[in-house]
Amino acid sequence: MQLKYQSLKDHVYEYIAQRIQTGSLQPGSKINEAEICKQLDISRTPTREALFQLSSDNLLDYLPRRGFTVKAFDRKKKEDYSLLIGTLDALAATLACDRMQERDVKQLERLADTIADDISSYEFNDYYVHQAEFHNCYLNKCGNTPLIDTLNSVKNGFMRQSYASEDKDRLASLLKQVNAEHRLIAELFRERDKERLEQAIRHHWRIIDFDMI
């Protein structure tokens, strides 16, 4: 029974997260729990569990007796999150640098190729998944569990909204620039150039903040 609820909760989680990502659910909009249960033919228990998980992961805001709304990021908050993510991700990369092996760097390069295909086909949901895999390649090698947990929590809601754009041509163009940063990051890991790696990753996240969102 626990496994059943877990899979249903994950289904609801991805359904709402993807609607936020595609812009179907706009920042500040209220989540209609009854409608979700009806559309997905799922009971209230796993739906509520998913909503609280989404709130914990910074995608939703929760107010007692008022329910859940999509978290809104104003300009200042976007800048603050971008700076925080860039700083933490750069720290994770420098900690992981000496632990990265050749196969890890090749995996980064393969993911950059996959990301390029996602962009060309306008598969932005797939882009979100593969860019997360890219950064997790070194994040999970950094050896600092609190850093990993904090960074994952901070990035989740912010990054989901990063791909909510109606101008798909412009978004694809900007993501190509971002993916060029991915390729540079892979190269700097191969060279074990920690100083340039830190600078590149900080710049990488500022591109996302000022151009994409």
N, C-alpha and C. Protein backbone atom coordinates (compact mmCIF):
# COMPACT_ATOMS: atom_id res chain seq x y z
N MET A 1 0.83 -1.20 0.00
CA MET A 1 0.00 0.00 0.00
C MET A 1 0.87 1.26 0.00
N GLN A 2 1.97 1.21 0.79
CA GLN A 2 2.86 2.37 0.86
C GLN A 2 3.49 2.64 -0.51
N LEU A 3 3.91 1.58 -1.21
CA LEU A 3 4.50 1.74 -2.54
C LEU A 3 3.48 2.31 -3.52
N LYS A 4 2.22 1.86 -3.39
CA LYS A 4 1.17 2.35 -4.27
C LYS A 4 0.98 3.85 -4.08
N TYR A 5 0.88 4.29 -2.83
CA TYR A 5 0.70 5.72 -2.56
C TYR A 5 1.91 6.53 -3.04
N GLN A 6 3.10 5.93 -2.87
CA GLN A 6 4.30 6.63 -3.30
C GLN A 6 4.29 6.89 -4.80
N SER A 7 3.91 5.89 -5.60
CA SER A 7 3.88 6.07 -7.05
C SER A 7 2.80 7.05 -7.47
N LEU A 8 1.66 7.02 -6.78
CA LEU A 8 0.59 7.97 -7.09
C LEU A 8 1.02 9.39 -6.72
N LYS A 9 1.68 9.51 -5.59
CA LYS A 9 2.17 10.83 -5.17
C LYS A 9 3.15 11.37 -6.21
N ASP A 10 4.05 10.54 -6.69
CA ASP A 10 5.03 10.97 -7.69
C ASP A 10 4.33 11.39 -8.98
N HIS A 11 3.26 10.69 -9.33
CA HIS A 11 2.51 11.01 -10.55
C HIS A 11 1.89 12.40 -10.42
N VAL A 12 1.28 12.69 -9.28
CA VAL A 12 0.69 14.01 -9.06
C VAL A 12 1.79 15.07 -9.05
N TYR A 13 2.90 14.77 -8.40
CA TYR A 13 4.01 15.71 -8.30
C TYR A 13 4.47 16.14 -9.70
N GLU A 14 4.72 15.17 -10.57
CA GLU A 14 5.22 15.48 -11.91
C GLU A 14 4.17 16.19 -12.75
N TYR A 15 2.91 15.82 -12.55
CA TYR A 15 1.82 16.48 -13.29
C TYR A 15 1.79 17.97 -12.99
N ILE A 16 1.86 18.32 -11.71
CA ILE A 16 1.81 19.73 -11.33
C ILE A 16 3.11 20.43 -11.70
N ALA A 17 4.24 19.78 -11.45
CA ALA A 17 5.53 20.39 -11.76
C ALA A 17 5.66 20.70 -13.25
N GLN A 18 5.19 19.81 -14.09
CA GLN A 18 5.28 20.04 -15.54
C GLN A 18 4.33 21.15 -15.97
N ARG A 19 3.18 21.27 -15.33
CA ARG A 19 2.27 22.36 -15.66
C ARG A 19 2.85 23.71 -15.26
N ILE A 20 3.60 23.73 -14.17
CA ILE A 20 4.32 24.96 -13.80
C ILE A 20 5.39 25.26 -14.83
N GLN A 21 6.11 24.22 -15.23
CA GLN A 21 7.20 24.37 -16.17
C GLN A 21 6.73 24.85 -17.54
N THR A 22 5.58 24.37 -17.99
CA THR A 22 5.07 24.75 -19.31
C THR A 22 4.29 26.06 -19.28
N GLY A 23 4.04 26.59 -18.07
CA GLY A 23 3.30 27.84 -17.96
C GLY A 23 1.81 27.65 -17.86
N SER A 24 1.32 26.41 -17.83
CA SER A 24 -0.12 26.18 -17.67
C SER A 24 -0.60 26.64 -16.30
N LEU A 25 0.28 26.54 -15.32
CA LEU A 25 0.01 27.09 -13.99
C LEU A 25 0.94 28.27 -13.78
N GLN A 26 0.37 29.45 -13.70
CA GLN A 26 1.16 30.67 -13.58
C GLN A 26 1.51 30.96 -12.12
N PRO A 27 2.62 31.66 -11.87
CA PRO A 27 2.97 32.06 -10.51
C PRO A 27 1.82 32.79 -9.82
N GLY A 28 1.52 32.37 -8.60
CA GLY A 28 0.45 32.98 -7.83
C GLY A 28 -0.89 32.30 -7.99
N SER A 29 -1.04 31.42 -8.99
CA SER A 29 -2.33 30.77 -9.20
C SER A 29 -2.58 29.70 -8.14
N LYS A 30 -3.87 29.54 -7.77
CA LYS A 30 -4.25 28.61 -6.72
C LYS A 30 -4.39 27.20 -7.28
N ILE A 31 -3.96 26.22 -6.50
CA ILE A 31 -4.08 24.82 -6.89
C ILE A 31 -5.45 24.30 -6.46
N ASN A 32 -6.19 23.74 -7.41
CA ASN A 32 -7.51 23.17 -7.13
C ASN A 32 -7.34 21.67 -6.88
N GLU A 33 -7.31 21.29 -5.61
CA GLU A 33 -7.06 19.89 -5.27
C GLU A 33 -8.14 18.96 -5.81
N ALA A 34 -9.38 19.38 -5.70
CA ALA A 34 -10.48 18.53 -6.16
C ALA A 34 -10.39 18.29 -7.66
N GLU A 35 -10.03 19.32 -8.41
CA GLU A 35 -9.90 19.18 -9.85
C GLU A 35 -8.77 18.22 -10.22
N ILE A 36 -7.66 18.30 -9.51
CA ILE A 36 -6.54 17.40 -9.78
C ILE A 36 -6.93 15.96 -9.49
N CYS A 37 -7.59 15.73 -8.37
CA CYS A 37 -8.04 14.38 -8.03
C CYS A 37 -8.95 13.82 -9.12
N LYS A 38 -9.85 14.68 -9.64
CA LYS A 38 -10.79 14.24 -10.68
C LYS A 38 -10.07 13.98 -12.00
N GLN A 39 -9.18 14.88 -12.40
CA GLN A 39 -8.49 14.74 -13.68
C GLN A 39 -7.58 13.52 -13.71
N LEU A 40 -6.92 13.25 -12.58
CA LEU A 40 -5.98 12.13 -12.53
C LEU A 40 -6.60 10.86 -11.97
N ASP A 41 -7.86 10.95 -11.54
CA ASP A 41 -8.55 9.82 -10.93
C ASP A 41 -7.74 9.25 -9.77
N ILE A 42 -7.35 10.15 -8.88
CA ILE A 42 -6.50 9.80 -7.74
C ILE A 42 -7.16 10.33 -6.47
N SER A 43 -7.01 9.59 -5.39
CA SER A 43 -7.65 9.99 -4.13
C SER A 43 -6.93 11.18 -3.51
N ARG A 44 -7.52 11.71 -2.46
CA ARG A 44 -7.01 12.93 -1.84
C ARG A 44 -5.68 12.70 -1.12
N THR A 45 -5.47 11.51 -0.54
CA THR A 45 -4.27 11.30 0.28
C THR A 45 -2.97 11.46 -0.51
N PRO A 46 -2.75 10.74 -1.62
CA PRO A 46 -1.50 10.95 -2.37
C PRO A 46 -1.41 12.34 -2.99
N THR A 47 -2.57 12.93 -3.32
CA THR A 47 -2.57 14.28 -3.87
C THR A 47 -2.05 15.28 -2.85
N ARG A 48 -2.54 15.18 -1.61
CA ARG A 48 -2.08 16.07 -0.55
C ARG A 48 -0.59 15.85 -0.26
N GLU A 49 -0.17 14.60 -0.27
CA GLU A 49 1.25 14.31 -0.03
C GLU A 49 2.12 14.96 -1.11
N ALA A 50 1.66 14.90 -2.36
CA ALA A 50 2.41 15.51 -3.46
C ALA A 50 2.46 17.02 -3.31
N LEU A 51 1.34 17.62 -2.91
CA LEU A 51 1.29 19.07 -2.76
C LEU A 51 2.22 19.55 -1.66
N PHE A 52 2.26 18.83 -0.56
CA PHE A 52 3.17 19.22 0.51
C PHE A 52 4.63 19.02 0.10
N GLN A 53 4.90 17.99 -0.71
CA GLN A 53 6.25 17.79 -1.22
C GLN A 53 6.64 18.92 -2.17
N LEU A 54 5.71 19.33 -3.02
CA LEU A 54 5.95 20.46 -3.92
C LEU A 54 6.22 21.74 -3.15
N SER A 55 5.53 21.91 -2.04
CA SER A 55 5.77 23.07 -1.18
C SER A 55 7.15 23.01 -0.55
N SER A 56 7.52 21.82 -0.09
CA SER A 56 8.85 21.63 0.50
C SER A 56 9.96 21.88 -0.51
N ASP A 57 9.68 21.59 -1.79
CA ASP A 57 10.67 21.73 -2.86
C ASP A 57 10.61 23.10 -3.54
N ASN A 58 9.90 24.05 -2.92
CA ASN A 58 9.89 25.45 -3.39
C ASN A 58 9.10 25.68 -4.68
N LEU A 59 8.24 24.76 -5.07
CA LEU A 59 7.40 25.01 -6.23
C LEU A 59 6.07 25.65 -5.85
N LEU A 60 5.59 25.35 -4.64
CA LEU A 60 4.32 25.89 -4.18
C LEU A 60 4.49 26.60 -2.84
N ASP A 61 3.57 27.53 -2.57
CA ASP A 61 3.43 28.13 -1.25
C ASP A 61 2.18 27.54 -0.59
N TYR A 62 2.25 27.32 0.72
CA TYR A 62 1.11 26.78 1.44
C TYR A 62 0.72 27.71 2.58
N LEU A 63 -0.56 28.05 2.61
CA LEU A 63 -1.11 28.83 3.72
C LEU A 63 -2.24 28.02 4.35
N PRO A 64 -2.17 27.75 5.66
CA PRO A 64 -3.24 27.00 6.32
C PRO A 64 -4.61 27.61 6.06
N ARG A 65 -5.57 26.74 5.77
CA ARG A 65 -6.97 27.09 5.50
C ARG A 65 -7.16 27.84 4.17
N ARG A 66 -6.07 28.17 3.48
CA ARG A 66 -6.20 28.83 2.18
C ARG A 66 -5.67 27.97 1.05
N GLY A 67 -4.87 26.97 1.37
CA GLY A 67 -4.43 26.02 0.36
C GLY A 67 -3.08 26.36 -0.26
N PHE A 68 -2.87 25.82 -1.46
CA PHE A 68 -1.59 25.91 -2.15
C PHE A 68 -1.67 26.84 -3.35
N THR A 69 -0.61 27.63 -3.54
CA THR A 69 -0.49 28.47 -4.74
C THR A 69 0.90 28.28 -5.34
N VAL A 70 1.02 28.53 -6.63
CA VAL A 70 2.31 28.42 -7.30
C VAL A 70 3.23 29.53 -6.81
N LYS A 71 4.42 29.15 -6.40
CA LYS A 71 5.37 30.13 -5.86
C LYS A 71 5.72 31.16 -6.93
N ALA A 72 5.72 32.41 -6.55
CA ALA A 72 6.05 33.49 -7.47
C ALA A 72 7.45 34.01 -7.19
N PHE A 73 8.21 34.23 -8.26
CA PHE A 73 9.56 34.79 -8.14
C PHE A 73 9.58 36.16 -8.81
N ASP A 74 9.66 37.22 -7.99
CA ASP A 74 9.81 38.56 -8.58
C ASP A 74 11.27 38.77 -9.00
N ARG A 75 11.53 39.91 -9.61
CA ARG A 75 12.88 40.16 -10.15
C ARG A 75 13.96 40.04 -9.08
N LYS A 76 13.71 40.63 -7.90
CA LYS A 76 14.70 40.59 -6.83
C LYS A 76 14.93 39.17 -6.35
N LYS A 77 13.85 38.41 -6.21
CA LYS A 77 13.99 37.04 -5.75
C LYS A 77 14.74 36.19 -6.78
N LYS A 78 14.49 36.43 -8.07
CA LYS A 78 15.22 35.71 -9.11
C LYS A 78 16.71 35.99 -9.02
N GLU A 79 17.05 37.26 -8.82
CA GLU A 79 18.47 37.63 -8.70
C GLU A 79 19.09 36.98 -7.48
N ASP A 80 18.35 36.97 -6.36
CA ASP A 80 18.87 36.38 -5.13
C ASP A 80 19.09 34.87 -5.30
N TYR A 81 18.11 34.19 -5.89
CA TYR A 81 18.22 32.75 -6.10
C TYR A 81 19.37 32.43 -7.06
N SER A 82 19.50 33.23 -8.11
CA SER A 82 20.56 33.00 -9.08
C SER A 82 21.93 33.11 -8.43
N LEU A 83 22.11 34.13 -7.61
CA LEU A 83 23.39 34.32 -6.91
C LEU A 83 23.66 33.16 -5.96
N LEU A 84 22.64 32.75 -5.22
CA LEU A 84 22.80 31.65 -4.27
C LEU A 84 23.13 30.34 -4.97
N ILE A 85 22.37 30.03 -6.03
CA ILE A 85 22.61 28.78 -6.75
C ILE A 85 24.00 28.78 -7.38
N GLY A 86 24.38 29.89 -8.00
CA GLY A 86 25.69 29.96 -8.61
C GLY A 86 26.82 29.77 -7.62
N THR A 87 26.68 30.36 -6.44
CA THR A 87 27.70 30.24 -5.40
C THR A 87 27.80 28.81 -4.89
N LEU A 88 26.65 28.20 -4.60
CA LEU A 88 26.65 26.83 -4.07
C LEU A 88 27.11 25.82 -5.12
N ASP A 89 26.65 26.01 -6.36
CA ASP A 89 27.02 25.07 -7.42
C ASP A 89 28.52 25.17 -7.74
N ALA A 90 29.05 26.38 -7.72
CA ALA A 90 30.49 26.56 -7.94
C ALA A 90 31.29 25.90 -6.82
N LEU A 91 30.82 26.01 -5.59
CA LEU A 91 31.48 25.34 -4.47
C LEU A 91 31.46 23.83 -4.66
N ALA A 92 30.30 23.30 -5.04
CA ALA A 92 30.19 21.85 -5.26
C ALA A 92 31.16 21.40 -6.36
N ALA A 93 31.28 22.18 -7.42
CA ALA A 93 32.15 21.81 -8.53
C ALA A 93 33.62 21.79 -8.11
N THR A 94 34.05 22.79 -7.35
CA THR A 94 35.44 22.82 -6.92
C THR A 94 35.75 21.69 -5.95
N LEU A 95 34.78 21.33 -5.10
CA LEU A 95 34.98 20.20 -4.20
C LEU A 95 35.05 18.88 -4.97
N ALA A 96 34.28 18.80 -6.05
CA ALA A 96 34.21 17.55 -6.83
C ALA A 96 35.36 17.42 -7.83
N CYS A 97 36.03 18.50 -8.13
CA CYS A 97 36.97 18.54 -9.25
C CYS A 97 38.00 17.41 -9.20
N ASP A 98 38.64 17.23 -8.06
CA ASP A 98 39.67 16.20 -7.94
C ASP A 98 39.09 14.79 -7.90
N ARG A 99 37.79 14.67 -7.69
CA ARG A 99 37.15 13.36 -7.62
C ARG A 99 36.60 12.90 -8.97
N MET A 100 36.51 13.83 -9.91
CA MET A 100 35.95 13.51 -11.22
C MET A 100 36.97 12.69 -12.03
N GLN A 101 36.50 11.56 -12.57
CA GLN A 101 37.34 10.71 -13.40
C GLN A 101 37.00 10.94 -14.87
N GLU A 102 37.79 10.34 -15.75
CA GLU A 102 37.58 10.52 -17.18
C GLU A 102 36.18 10.10 -17.61
N ARG A 103 35.67 9.02 -17.03
CA ARG A 103 34.33 8.55 -17.42
C ARG A 103 33.26 9.56 -17.00
N ASP A 104 33.50 10.28 -15.89
CA ASP A 104 32.55 11.30 -15.45
C ASP A 104 32.53 12.48 -16.42
N VAL A 105 33.72 12.89 -16.87
CA VAL A 105 33.80 13.99 -17.83
C VAL A 105 33.14 13.60 -19.15
N LYS A 106 33.36 12.36 -19.58
CA LYS A 106 32.72 11.89 -20.81
C LYS A 106 31.20 11.88 -20.67
N GLN A 107 30.73 11.56 -19.47
CA GLN A 107 29.29 11.60 -19.24
C GLN A 107 28.75 13.03 -19.35
N LEU A 108 29.50 14.00 -18.84
CA LEU A 108 29.11 15.40 -19.01
C LEU A 108 29.02 15.76 -20.48
N GLU A 109 29.98 15.33 -21.26
CA GLU A 109 29.99 15.63 -22.70
C GLU A 109 28.83 14.96 -23.42
N ARG A 110 28.53 13.71 -23.04
CA ARG A 110 27.39 13.02 -23.65
C ARG A 110 26.08 13.73 -23.33
N LEU A 111 25.95 14.18 -22.09
CA LEU A 111 24.74 14.89 -21.69
C LEU A 111 24.61 16.22 -22.43
N ALA A 112 25.73 16.91 -22.65
CA ALA A 112 25.68 18.16 -23.43
C ALA A 112 25.19 17.88 -24.84
N ASP A 113 25.58 16.75 -25.42
CA ASP A 113 25.09 16.37 -26.76
C ASP A 113 23.59 16.08 -26.72
N THR A 114 23.17 15.37 -25.68
CA THR A 114 21.73 15.06 -25.53
C THR A 114 20.93 16.33 -25.34
N ILE A 115 21.45 17.25 -24.54
CA ILE A 115 20.78 18.53 -24.32
C ILE A 115 20.64 19.30 -25.62
N ALA A 116 21.67 19.26 -26.47
CA ALA A 116 21.60 19.94 -27.76
C ALA A 116 20.45 19.38 -28.60
N ASP A 117 20.25 18.07 -28.56
CA ASP A 117 19.13 17.45 -29.28
C ASP A 117 17.79 17.90 -28.69
N ASP A 118 17.71 17.98 -27.35
CA ASP A 118 16.47 18.44 -26.70
C ASP A 118 16.11 19.85 -27.16
N ILE A 119 17.12 20.71 -27.24
CA ILE A 119 16.88 22.10 -27.64
C ILE A 119 16.42 22.16 -29.09
N SER A 120 17.08 21.41 -29.96
CA SER A 120 16.73 21.42 -31.38
C SER A 120 15.31 20.96 -31.64
N SER A 121 14.84 20.02 -30.82
CA SER A 121 13.48 19.48 -30.99
C SER A 121 12.46 20.17 -30.09
N TYR A 122 12.89 21.23 -29.37
CA TYR A 122 12.01 21.98 -28.47
C TYR A 122 11.40 21.10 -27.37
N GLU A 123 12.15 20.10 -26.97
CA GLU A 123 11.70 19.22 -25.88
C GLU A 123 12.23 19.79 -24.56
N PHE A 124 11.56 20.82 -24.07
CA PHE A 124 12.08 21.54 -22.90
C PHE A 124 11.90 20.77 -21.60
N ASN A 125 10.90 19.88 -21.52
CA ASN A 125 10.79 19.02 -20.35
C ASN A 125 11.99 18.08 -20.28
N ASP A 126 12.39 17.53 -21.43
CA ASP A 126 13.56 16.66 -21.47
C ASP A 126 14.82 17.46 -21.16
N TYR A 127 14.86 18.71 -21.64
CA TYR A 127 16.01 19.56 -21.33
C TYR A 127 16.14 19.71 -19.81
N TYR A 128 15.04 19.97 -19.13
CA TYR A 128 15.10 20.14 -17.68
C TYR A 128 15.70 18.89 -17.02
N VAL A 129 15.25 17.71 -17.45
CA VAL A 129 15.75 16.46 -16.86
C VAL A 129 17.24 16.29 -17.12
N HIS A 130 17.66 16.52 -18.36
CA HIS A 130 19.05 16.26 -18.73
C HIS A 130 20.01 17.30 -18.16
N GLN A 131 19.57 18.57 -18.06
CA GLN A 131 20.47 19.55 -17.44
C GLN A 131 20.63 19.24 -15.96
N ALA A 132 19.58 18.72 -15.32
CA ALA A 132 19.70 18.33 -13.92
C ALA A 132 20.69 17.18 -13.77
N GLU A 133 20.62 16.21 -14.69
CA GLU A 133 21.58 15.10 -14.68
C GLU A 133 23.00 15.62 -14.85
N PHE A 134 23.18 16.60 -15.73
CA PHE A 134 24.51 17.17 -15.98
C PHE A 134 25.11 17.71 -14.67
N HIS A 135 24.35 18.57 -14.00
CA HIS A 135 24.88 19.19 -12.79
C HIS A 135 25.01 18.19 -11.64
N ASN A 136 24.14 17.18 -11.63
CA ASN A 136 24.23 16.16 -10.58
C ASN A 136 25.46 15.27 -10.74
N CYS A 137 26.00 15.20 -11.96
CA CYS A 137 27.20 14.39 -12.18
C CYS A 137 28.33 14.82 -11.25
N TYR A 138 28.50 16.12 -11.10
CA TYR A 138 29.57 16.58 -10.20
C TYR A 138 29.05 16.91 -8.80
N LEU A 139 27.79 17.33 -8.71
CA LEU A 139 27.24 17.63 -7.39
C LEU A 139 27.33 16.40 -6.48
N ASN A 140 26.97 15.24 -7.02
CA ASN A 140 26.98 14.02 -6.22
C ASN A 140 28.39 13.51 -5.93
N LYS A 141 29.40 14.15 -6.51
CA LYS A 141 30.80 13.79 -6.26
C LYS A 141 31.46 14.74 -5.27
N CYS A 142 30.75 15.75 -4.81
CA CYS A 142 31.39 16.79 -4.00
C CYS A 142 31.69 16.33 -2.58
N GLY A 143 31.00 15.27 -2.11
CA GLY A 143 31.28 14.74 -0.79
C GLY A 143 30.71 15.53 0.37
N ASN A 144 29.76 16.41 0.10
CA ASN A 144 29.18 17.25 1.15
C ASN A 144 27.66 17.12 1.09
N THR A 145 27.11 16.25 1.92
CA THR A 145 25.67 15.96 1.87
C THR A 145 24.80 17.18 2.17
N PRO A 146 25.10 17.99 3.19
CA PRO A 146 24.26 19.19 3.41
C PRO A 146 24.26 20.13 2.21
N LEU A 147 25.39 20.25 1.54
CA LEU A 147 25.46 21.09 0.34
C LEU A 147 24.59 20.53 -0.77
N ILE A 148 24.65 19.23 -0.96
CA ILE A 148 23.82 18.57 -1.99
C ILE A 148 22.34 18.80 -1.71
N ASP A 149 21.92 18.56 -0.49
CA ASP A 149 20.50 18.70 -0.12
C ASP A 149 20.04 20.14 -0.26
N THR A 150 20.85 21.07 0.19
CA THR A 150 20.47 22.49 0.12
C THR A 150 20.35 22.94 -1.32
N LEU A 151 21.32 22.60 -2.13
CA LEU A 151 21.31 23.04 -3.53
C LEU A 151 20.14 22.44 -4.29
N ASN A 152 19.86 21.18 -4.08
CA ASN A 152 18.71 20.55 -4.76
C ASN A 152 17.40 21.23 -4.37
N SER A 153 17.25 21.54 -3.09
CA SER A 153 16.03 22.19 -2.63
C SER A 153 15.87 23.58 -3.21
N VAL A 154 16.96 24.35 -3.22
CA VAL A 154 16.91 25.72 -3.72
C VAL A 154 16.64 25.76 -5.22
N LYS A 155 17.25 24.83 -5.96
CA LYS A 155 17.14 24.87 -7.42
C LYS A 155 15.78 24.46 -7.94
N ASN A 156 15.09 23.58 -7.25
CA ASN A 156 13.96 22.89 -7.86
C ASN A 156 12.87 23.83 -8.37
N GLY A 157 12.26 24.60 -7.48
CA GLY A 157 11.18 25.49 -7.92
C GLY A 157 11.66 26.57 -8.86
N PHE A 158 12.82 27.12 -8.58
CA PHE A 158 13.39 28.18 -9.40
C PHE A 158 13.64 27.69 -10.83
N MET A 159 14.23 26.50 -10.96
CA MET A 159 14.57 25.98 -12.28
C MET A 159 13.33 25.57 -13.07
N ARG A 160 12.33 25.04 -12.39
CA ARG A 160 11.10 24.66 -13.10
C ARG A 160 10.49 25.87 -13.80
N GLN A 161 10.48 27.01 -13.13
CA GLN A 161 9.90 28.20 -13.73
C GLN A 161 10.80 28.79 -14.80
N SER A 162 12.06 28.40 -14.83
CA SER A 162 12.99 28.94 -15.81
C SER A 162 12.61 28.57 -17.24
N TYR A 163 11.85 27.48 -17.41
CA TYR A 163 11.51 27.02 -18.75
C TYR A 163 10.05 27.28 -19.10
N ALA A 164 9.39 28.13 -18.30
CA ALA A 164 8.00 28.50 -18.57
C ALA A 164 8.00 29.73 -19.47
N SER A 165 8.06 29.52 -20.78
CA SER A 165 8.11 30.64 -21.73
C SER A 165 7.23 30.32 -22.93
N GLU A 166 6.49 31.34 -23.38
CA GLU A 166 5.66 31.16 -24.57
C GLU A 166 6.45 31.36 -25.85
N ASP A 167 7.59 32.05 -25.77
CA ASP A 167 8.42 32.31 -26.95
C ASP A 167 9.44 31.17 -27.07
N LYS A 168 9.03 30.09 -27.73
CA LYS A 168 9.86 28.90 -27.79
C LYS A 168 11.13 29.13 -28.62
N ASP A 169 11.05 29.94 -29.66
CA ASP A 169 12.24 30.21 -30.47
C ASP A 169 13.30 30.93 -29.65
N ARG A 170 12.88 31.95 -28.92
CA ARG A 170 13.82 32.69 -28.10
C ARG A 170 14.39 31.81 -27.00
N LEU A 171 13.53 31.01 -26.38
CA LEU A 171 13.99 30.12 -25.32
C LEU A 171 15.03 29.15 -25.85
N ALA A 172 14.78 28.57 -27.03
CA ALA A 172 15.74 27.64 -27.63
C ALA A 172 17.06 28.32 -27.91
N SER A 173 17.00 29.55 -28.41
CA SER A 173 18.22 30.29 -28.70
C SER A 173 19.04 30.53 -27.44
N LEU A 174 18.36 30.91 -26.37
CA LEU A 174 19.05 31.17 -25.12
C LEU A 174 19.61 29.90 -24.50
N LEU A 175 18.87 28.79 -24.64
CA LEU A 175 19.34 27.53 -24.08
C LEU A 175 20.57 27.01 -24.82
N LYS A 176 20.70 27.37 -26.09
CA LYS A 176 21.91 27.00 -26.81
C LYS A 176 23.13 27.68 -26.20
N GLN A 177 22.95 28.93 -25.78
CA GLN A 177 24.03 29.63 -25.08
C GLN A 177 24.35 28.94 -23.76
N VAL A 178 23.32 28.55 -23.05
CA VAL A 178 23.52 27.86 -21.77
C VAL A 178 24.25 26.54 -21.99
N ASN A 179 23.89 25.82 -23.05
CA ASN A 179 24.54 24.54 -23.29
C ASN A 179 26.00 24.70 -23.71
N ALA A 180 26.32 25.84 -24.33
CA ALA A 180 27.73 26.12 -24.60
C ALA A 180 28.51 26.22 -23.29
N GLU A 181 27.85 26.75 -22.24
CA GLU A 181 28.46 26.79 -20.92
C GLU A 181 28.66 25.38 -20.37
N HIS A 182 27.69 24.49 -20.63
CA HIS A 182 27.85 23.09 -20.19
C HIS A 182 29.12 22.49 -20.80
N ARG A 183 29.34 22.72 -22.07
CA ARG A 183 30.52 22.15 -22.74
C ARG A 183 31.81 22.73 -22.15
N LEU A 184 31.80 24.02 -21.84
CA LEU A 184 32.97 24.64 -21.22
C LEU A 184 33.22 24.04 -19.84
N ILE A 185 32.16 23.84 -19.07
CA ILE A 185 32.30 23.25 -17.74
C ILE A 185 32.93 21.87 -17.83
N ALA A 186 32.48 21.06 -18.78
CA ALA A 186 33.06 19.72 -18.96
C ALA A 186 34.55 19.82 -19.28
N GLU A 187 34.91 20.75 -20.15
CA GLU A 187 36.31 20.94 -20.53
C GLU A 187 37.16 21.34 -19.32
N LEU A 188 36.64 22.22 -18.48
CA LEU A 188 37.39 22.68 -17.32
C LEU A 188 37.53 21.59 -16.26
N PHE A 189 36.56 20.71 -16.17
CA PHE A 189 36.72 19.55 -15.29
C PHE A 189 37.85 18.66 -15.80
N ARG A 190 37.92 18.46 -17.10
CA ARG A 190 39.00 17.64 -17.67
C ARG A 190 40.36 18.25 -17.36
N GLU A 191 40.42 19.59 -17.43
CA GLU A 191 41.69 20.29 -17.17
C GLU A 191 41.96 20.47 -15.68
N ARG A 192 40.95 20.18 -14.85
CA ARG A 192 41.05 20.37 -13.39
C ARG A 192 41.44 21.81 -13.05
N ASP A 193 40.87 22.74 -13.79
CA ASP A 193 41.14 24.17 -13.58
C ASP A 193 40.05 24.72 -12.65
N LYS A 194 40.29 24.64 -11.36
CA LYS A 194 39.27 24.99 -10.37
C LYS A 194 38.90 26.48 -10.42
N GLU A 195 39.88 27.32 -10.64
CA GLU A 195 39.60 28.76 -10.64
C GLU A 195 38.68 29.15 -11.78
N ARG A 196 39.00 28.70 -13.00
CA ARG A 196 38.15 29.01 -14.14
C ARG A 196 36.81 28.27 -14.05
N LEU A 197 36.82 27.08 -13.47
CA LEU A 197 35.59 26.32 -13.30
C LEU A 197 34.61 27.07 -12.41
N GLU A 198 35.11 27.58 -11.31
CA GLU A 198 34.25 28.36 -10.40
C GLU A 198 33.67 29.57 -11.11
N GLN A 199 34.49 30.29 -11.86
CA GLN A 199 34.02 31.47 -12.58
C GLN A 199 32.98 31.10 -13.64
N ALA A 200 33.23 30.00 -14.36
CA ALA A 200 32.32 29.59 -15.43
C ALA A 200 30.95 29.21 -14.88
N ILE A 201 30.94 28.53 -13.75
CA ILE A 201 29.65 28.09 -13.19
C ILE A 201 28.87 29.28 -12.63
N ARG A 202 29.56 30.20 -11.99
CA ARG A 202 28.86 31.39 -11.52
C ARG A 202 28.24 32.15 -12.71
N HIS A 203 28.99 32.28 -13.78
CA HIS A 203 28.48 32.96 -14.97
C HIS A 203 27.35 32.17 -15.61
N HIS A 204 27.47 30.87 -15.60
CA HIS A 204 26.44 29.99 -16.15
C HIS A 204 25.07 30.27 -15.53
N TRP A 205 25.03 30.39 -14.22
CA TRP A 205 23.74 30.61 -13.57
C TRP A 205 23.25 32.04 -13.77
N ARG A 206 24.14 33.00 -13.97
CA ARG A 206 23.69 34.37 -14.22
C ARG A 206 23.11 34.51 -15.62
N ILE A 207 23.56 33.72 -16.57
CA ILE A 207 22.93 33.71 -17.89
C ILE A 207 21.47 33.29 -17.75
N ILE A 208 21.23 32.25 -16.99
CA ILE A 208 19.87 31.77 -16.78
C ILE A 208 19.01 32.86 -16.14
N ASP A 209 19.55 33.54 -15.15
CA ASP A 209 18.76 34.55 -14.44
C ASP A 209 18.38 35.71 -15.33
N PHE A 210 19.33 36.33 -15.99
CA PHE A 210 19.05 37.58 -16.67
C PHE A 210 18.48 37.43 -18.08
N ASP A 211 18.75 36.32 -18.73
CA ASP A 211 18.28 36.16 -20.10
C ASP A 211 17.05 35.26 -20.23
N MET A 212 16.95 34.24 -19.41
CA MET A 212 15.91 33.26 -19.62
C MET A 212 14.62 33.60 -18.93
N ILE A 213 14.69 34.15 -17.72
CA ILE A 213 13.47 34.28 -16.92
C ILE A 213 12.86 35.67 -17.08
